[in-house]
Amino acid sequence: MAGGWAKDGAVSEQIEASINDELARLKARKLPQGESRTHCAECEEPIPEARRAALPGVKLCIDCVNERDNRPETRGGINRRGSKDSQLK
């Protein structure tokens, strides 16, 4: 049941739209291509042969990838709530 001015199913539509936006963003990410490096591009540690074989075009060691993945990512989102405050800004 929707509340206020929202139609029935509006919340589900918003959730589905948010999920579809995130999936599209993930699919748009570029994967490494080309020849793999033997040493990490950031810390110069050797990259194991197994990693280079599994991920063609790899440039970073596992530690540097984990560190990069754990950094907070700032990106603009869409305010789907439609509150009056968000429309005034």
N, C-alpha and C. Protein backbone atom coordinates (compact mmCIF):
# COMPACT_ATOMS: atom_id res chain seq x y z
N MET A 1 0.85 -1.17 0.00
CA MET A 1 0.00 0.00 0.00
C MET A 1 0.89 1.23 0.00
N ALA A 2 0.64 2.13 -0.93
CA ALA A 2 1.41 3.35 -1.03
C ALA A 2 0.82 4.40 -0.11
N GLY A 3 1.64 5.33 0.30
CA GLY A 3 1.16 6.39 1.17
C GLY A 3 1.32 7.75 0.51
N GLY A 4 0.52 8.71 0.92
CA GLY A 4 0.64 10.05 0.38
C GLY A 4 0.22 10.12 -1.08
N TRP A 5 1.05 10.75 -1.88
CA TRP A 5 0.74 10.93 -3.30
C TRP A 5 1.25 9.78 -4.16
N ALA A 6 1.94 8.84 -3.57
CA ALA A 6 2.53 7.75 -4.34
C ALA A 6 1.45 6.74 -4.75
N LYS A 7 1.61 6.20 -5.95
CA LYS A 7 0.66 5.18 -6.42
C LYS A 7 1.04 3.83 -5.83
N ASP A 8 0.15 2.87 -5.94
CA ASP A 8 0.43 1.53 -5.46
C ASP A 8 1.61 0.95 -6.21
N GLY A 9 2.53 0.33 -5.50
CA GLY A 9 3.70 -0.29 -6.12
C GLY A 9 4.84 0.67 -6.38
N ALA A 10 4.72 1.93 -5.96
CA ALA A 10 5.76 2.92 -6.23
C ALA A 10 7.06 2.57 -5.53
N VAL A 11 6.98 2.06 -4.33
CA VAL A 11 8.18 1.71 -3.59
C VAL A 11 8.93 0.58 -4.29
N SER A 12 8.19 -0.42 -4.75
CA SER A 12 8.82 -1.53 -5.47
C SER A 12 9.47 -1.04 -6.75
N GLU A 13 8.82 -0.12 -7.47
CA GLU A 13 9.39 0.44 -8.69
C GLU A 13 10.68 1.20 -8.40
N GLN A 14 10.71 1.93 -7.30
CA GLN A 14 11.91 2.67 -6.92
C GLN A 14 13.06 1.71 -6.60
N ILE A 15 12.76 0.65 -5.88
CA ILE A 15 13.78 -0.33 -5.54
C ILE A 15 14.32 -0.99 -6.80
N GLU A 16 13.42 -1.41 -7.70
CA GLU A 16 13.85 -2.04 -8.94
C GLU A 16 14.69 -1.09 -9.79
N ALA A 17 14.30 0.18 -9.85
CA ALA A 17 15.07 1.16 -10.62
C ALA A 17 16.46 1.36 -10.02
N SER A 18 16.56 1.40 -8.71
CA SER A 18 17.87 1.54 -8.06
C SER A 18 18.75 0.33 -8.34
N ILE A 19 18.19 -0.85 -8.28
CA ILE A 19 18.95 -2.07 -8.56
C ILE A 19 19.41 -2.08 -10.02
N ASN A 20 18.52 -1.72 -10.94
CA ASN A 20 18.89 -1.70 -12.36
C ASN A 20 19.98 -0.67 -12.64
N ASP A 21 19.94 0.48 -11.98
CA ASP A 21 20.98 1.50 -12.15
C ASP A 21 22.33 0.96 -11.68
N GLU A 22 22.35 0.28 -10.54
CA GLU A 22 23.60 -0.25 -10.00
C GLU A 22 24.14 -1.37 -10.89
N LEU A 23 23.27 -2.23 -11.39
CA LEU A 23 23.71 -3.29 -12.30
C LEU A 23 24.30 -2.70 -13.58
N ALA A 24 23.68 -1.67 -14.11
CA ALA A 24 24.21 -1.02 -15.32
C ALA A 24 25.58 -0.40 -15.05
N ARG A 25 25.74 0.20 -13.86
CA ARG A 25 27.04 0.79 -13.51
C ARG A 25 28.12 -0.28 -13.41
N LEU A 26 27.78 -1.44 -12.81
CA LEU A 26 28.75 -2.52 -12.68
C LEU A 26 29.11 -3.13 -14.03
N LYS A 27 28.13 -3.27 -14.91
CA LYS A 27 28.40 -3.82 -16.24
C LYS A 27 29.26 -2.89 -17.08
N ALA A 28 29.19 -1.59 -16.81
CA ALA A 28 29.95 -0.60 -17.59
C ALA A 28 31.41 -0.54 -17.17
N ARG A 29 31.77 -1.14 -16.04
CA ARG A 29 33.17 -1.13 -15.59
C ARG A 29 34.04 -1.85 -16.59
N LYS A 30 35.19 -1.29 -16.83
CA LYS A 30 36.13 -1.91 -17.76
C LYS A 30 37.01 -2.90 -17.01
N LEU A 31 37.14 -4.08 -17.58
CA LEU A 31 38.02 -5.10 -17.02
C LEU A 31 39.41 -4.93 -17.59
N PRO A 32 40.43 -5.37 -16.87
CA PRO A 32 41.80 -5.26 -17.38
C PRO A 32 41.94 -5.99 -18.71
N GLN A 33 42.72 -5.39 -19.61
CA GLN A 33 42.98 -6.01 -20.90
C GLN A 33 44.45 -5.89 -21.21
N GLY A 34 44.91 -6.66 -22.19
CA GLY A 34 46.30 -6.58 -22.61
C GLY A 34 47.18 -7.53 -21.82
N GLU A 35 48.44 -7.22 -21.81
CA GLU A 35 49.42 -8.06 -21.14
C GLU A 35 49.49 -7.73 -19.65
N SER A 36 49.59 -8.76 -18.84
CA SER A 36 49.70 -8.56 -17.40
C SER A 36 51.08 -8.05 -17.04
N ARG A 37 51.14 -7.29 -15.96
CA ARG A 37 52.42 -6.84 -15.44
C ARG A 37 53.00 -7.91 -14.51
N THR A 38 54.30 -7.97 -14.42
CA THR A 38 54.93 -8.93 -13.51
C THR A 38 55.03 -8.36 -12.10
N HIS A 39 55.01 -7.02 -11.98
CA HIS A 39 55.07 -6.35 -10.68
C HIS A 39 53.93 -5.34 -10.58
N CYS A 40 53.43 -5.14 -9.38
CA CYS A 40 52.30 -4.25 -9.12
C CYS A 40 52.62 -2.82 -9.56
N ALA A 41 51.63 -2.16 -10.15
CA ALA A 41 51.80 -0.80 -10.63
C ALA A 41 51.88 0.21 -9.48
N GLU A 42 51.38 -0.15 -8.30
CA GLU A 42 51.38 0.79 -7.18
C GLU A 42 52.51 0.53 -6.19
N CYS A 43 52.71 -0.74 -5.81
CA CYS A 43 53.69 -1.02 -4.75
C CYS A 43 54.94 -1.75 -5.26
N GLU A 44 54.97 -2.13 -6.51
CA GLU A 44 56.10 -2.82 -7.13
C GLU A 44 56.38 -4.22 -6.58
N GLU A 45 55.44 -4.80 -5.83
CA GLU A 45 55.59 -6.17 -5.36
C GLU A 45 55.32 -7.12 -6.53
N PRO A 46 55.96 -8.28 -6.56
CA PRO A 46 55.69 -9.23 -7.65
C PRO A 46 54.24 -9.72 -7.63
N ILE A 47 53.66 -9.85 -8.82
CA ILE A 47 52.31 -10.40 -8.95
C ILE A 47 52.47 -11.89 -9.25
N PRO A 48 51.85 -12.77 -8.45
CA PRO A 48 52.00 -14.22 -8.66
C PRO A 48 51.55 -14.65 -10.05
N GLU A 49 52.23 -15.65 -10.58
CA GLU A 49 51.93 -16.18 -11.92
C GLU A 49 50.48 -16.65 -12.02
N ALA A 50 49.97 -17.27 -10.96
CA ALA A 50 48.59 -17.77 -10.98
C ALA A 50 47.60 -16.62 -11.17
N ARG A 51 47.85 -15.49 -10.52
CA ARG A 51 46.97 -14.32 -10.67
C ARG A 51 47.05 -13.77 -12.08
N ARG A 52 48.26 -13.70 -12.63
CA ARG A 52 48.42 -13.18 -13.99
C ARG A 52 47.74 -14.08 -15.01
N ALA A 53 47.77 -15.40 -14.77
CA ALA A 53 47.11 -16.34 -15.68
C ALA A 53 45.60 -16.26 -15.56
N ALA A 54 45.09 -16.05 -14.35
CA ALA A 54 43.64 -16.02 -14.12
C ALA A 54 43.01 -14.73 -14.62
N LEU A 55 43.74 -13.61 -14.53
CA LEU A 55 43.22 -12.30 -14.93
C LEU A 55 44.13 -11.65 -15.96
N PRO A 56 43.93 -11.93 -17.23
CA PRO A 56 44.77 -11.29 -18.24
C PRO A 56 44.67 -9.77 -18.14
N GLY A 57 45.80 -9.12 -18.18
CA GLY A 57 45.83 -7.66 -18.11
C GLY A 57 45.89 -7.10 -16.70
N VAL A 58 46.13 -7.96 -15.72
CA VAL A 58 46.15 -7.50 -14.33
C VAL A 58 47.34 -6.56 -14.11
N LYS A 59 47.10 -5.49 -13.36
CA LYS A 59 48.13 -4.47 -13.11
C LYS A 59 48.48 -4.32 -11.63
N LEU A 60 47.59 -4.81 -10.75
CA LEU A 60 47.78 -4.61 -9.31
C LEU A 60 47.85 -5.95 -8.58
N CYS A 61 48.60 -5.94 -7.46
CA CYS A 61 48.64 -7.13 -6.61
C CYS A 61 47.33 -7.20 -5.80
N ILE A 62 47.12 -8.31 -5.13
CA ILE A 62 45.88 -8.52 -4.38
C ILE A 62 45.73 -7.50 -3.26
N ASP A 63 46.82 -7.19 -2.55
CA ASP A 63 46.74 -6.23 -1.45
C ASP A 63 46.31 -4.85 -1.94
N CYS A 64 46.88 -4.39 -3.06
CA CYS A 64 46.53 -3.07 -3.58
C CYS A 64 45.09 -3.04 -4.11
N VAL A 65 44.63 -4.13 -4.70
CA VAL A 65 43.25 -4.20 -5.18
C VAL A 65 42.30 -4.14 -3.99
N ASN A 66 42.61 -4.89 -2.93
CA ASN A 66 41.74 -4.87 -1.75
C ASN A 66 41.71 -3.49 -1.12
N GLU A 67 42.86 -2.83 -1.05
CA GLU A 67 42.91 -1.48 -0.49
C GLU A 67 42.08 -0.52 -1.33
N ARG A 68 42.19 -0.62 -2.65
CA ARG A 68 41.43 0.25 -3.55
C ARG A 68 39.93 -0.03 -3.43
N ASP A 69 39.55 -1.31 -3.33
CA ASP A 69 38.14 -1.66 -3.23
C ASP A 69 37.51 -1.20 -1.92
N ASN A 70 38.31 -1.08 -0.86
CA ASN A 70 37.79 -0.69 0.45
C ASN A 70 37.72 0.82 0.64
N ARG A 71 38.26 1.59 -0.30
CA ARG A 71 38.15 3.05 -0.21
C ARG A 71 36.70 3.45 -0.46
N PRO A 72 36.22 4.43 0.29
CA PRO A 72 34.85 4.89 0.03
C PRO A 72 34.77 5.57 -1.34
N GLU A 73 33.75 5.19 -2.09
CA GLU A 73 33.56 5.73 -3.43
C GLU A 73 32.49 6.81 -3.39
N THR A 74 32.84 7.99 -3.83
CA THR A 74 31.86 9.07 -3.87
C THR A 74 31.33 9.18 -5.29
N ARG A 75 30.03 9.09 -5.40
CA ARG A 75 29.41 9.26 -6.70
C ARG A 75 28.03 9.85 -6.49
N GLY A 76 27.59 10.60 -7.45
CA GLY A 76 26.29 11.23 -7.36
C GLY A 76 25.19 10.22 -7.60
N GLY A 77 24.19 10.30 -6.81
CA GLY A 77 23.05 9.42 -6.99
C GLY A 77 21.81 10.21 -7.32
N ILE A 78 20.76 9.51 -7.60
CA ILE A 78 19.49 10.15 -7.92
C ILE A 78 18.60 10.03 -6.71
N ASN A 79 18.04 11.14 -6.29
CA ASN A 79 17.12 11.11 -5.17
C ASN A 79 15.76 10.68 -5.70
N ARG A 80 15.41 9.44 -5.44
CA ARG A 80 14.15 8.92 -5.95
C ARG A 80 12.99 9.14 -4.98
N ARG A 81 13.28 9.70 -3.83
CA ARG A 81 12.22 9.88 -2.85
C ARG A 81 11.21 10.93 -3.29
N GLY A 82 11.67 11.91 -4.05
CA GLY A 82 10.75 12.93 -4.54
C GLY A 82 10.22 13.84 -3.45
N SER A 83 10.97 14.02 -2.38
CA SER A 83 10.49 14.91 -1.32
C SER A 83 10.52 16.35 -1.80
N LYS A 84 9.74 17.18 -1.16
CA LYS A 84 9.66 18.58 -1.55
C LYS A 84 11.04 19.24 -1.42
N ASP A 85 11.79 18.90 -0.35
CA ASP A 85 13.10 19.47 -0.15
C ASP A 85 14.04 19.14 -1.30
N SER A 86 13.99 17.89 -1.81
CA SER A 86 14.90 17.52 -2.88
C SER A 86 14.53 18.21 -4.18
N GLN A 87 13.28 18.57 -4.35
CA GLN A 87 12.85 19.25 -5.58
C GLN A 87 13.20 20.73 -5.54
N LEU A 88 13.38 21.28 -4.36
CA LEU A 88 13.70 22.69 -4.24
C LEU A 88 15.18 22.97 -4.45
N LYS A 89 16.02 21.97 -4.30
CA LYS A 89 17.47 22.18 -4.39
C LYS A 89 17.93 22.19 -5.82
